[in-house]
Every structure is written in structure tokens, then in C-alpha cells.
Amino acid sequence: MTRTKRGYIAHRRRNKIRLLTSKFLGGNSRRRRTRSIIQQKLRALASSHRDRDRQKRNFRRLWVTRINASIRENLLSFNYNKLINHLYKRKVLINRKILAQIAILNKHCLYTISNNIQSTT
């Protein structure tokens, strides 16, 4: 019986995995060995899944810090959590991201919003 050269499907599968990991850092051995490539790919996918949630968390912390800093800089009579509480009581639908942008770009506008909220409650 003649020898059959196997591996067209296997080569195609390995090349597909190699294309995913071709931009990864490391030595040549890590980029050439299929087992290392598969481990790298699994680890990268797990890290990206984990860090998507972490990124949302970090941005929210950044926005809160920016809002709090601008409130303290303007010497308003209340702090961040009281501002957010008054916003919810008055049903003002401005999220933290927009408030942080207002705090950076237009501090006078944030000061006006906070004074209006404070005077009506």
C-alpha cells in the first residue's frame, strides 16, 4: 500500500491558529510550535474577556475621580455622592461619562447644574 501524505486539513487548522497568534511577542519557538500557540491563544482570549470588564470598571473610576476633583476645585457645598444623589432625585439623566467631560471642558456648566440642583431641593 502506498504511503498517503496526510495533513491538508491539519495544516489548514494550524495555519489558522498561527495567523491569530502571528502578532504575539516571544521567541521563534513560541510562534512555531503548535502546542505553545494554542496555549497562547487560549490565554489571550481569557485575558481579553477578563479585561473588558476591568476596562469598564477603570473608566467608571476615572469619571468619578474627575467629577469629584472638579467639584472640590469649585468649592461647592457638597461632594460627589451628594451631587449624584441630587441628580437622581431631580431625575436629571446625565451619566458619569458626560458629567466627567463637562467637568473637564466646561466647569462653569457643571457649576451651574450643581447650583440649580441645590436650589431646587
Foldseek 3Di string as FASTA:
>chain_A
DDDDDDDPVVVVVQVVLLVVCVPPDDDPVCSPDSVSSVVVVVVVVVVVVVVVVVVVVVVLVVLLVQLQVLCVVVVDPDGSVVQVVLCVVVVPPDDSVNSSVCSPPPSVVNVVVSVVSVVVD
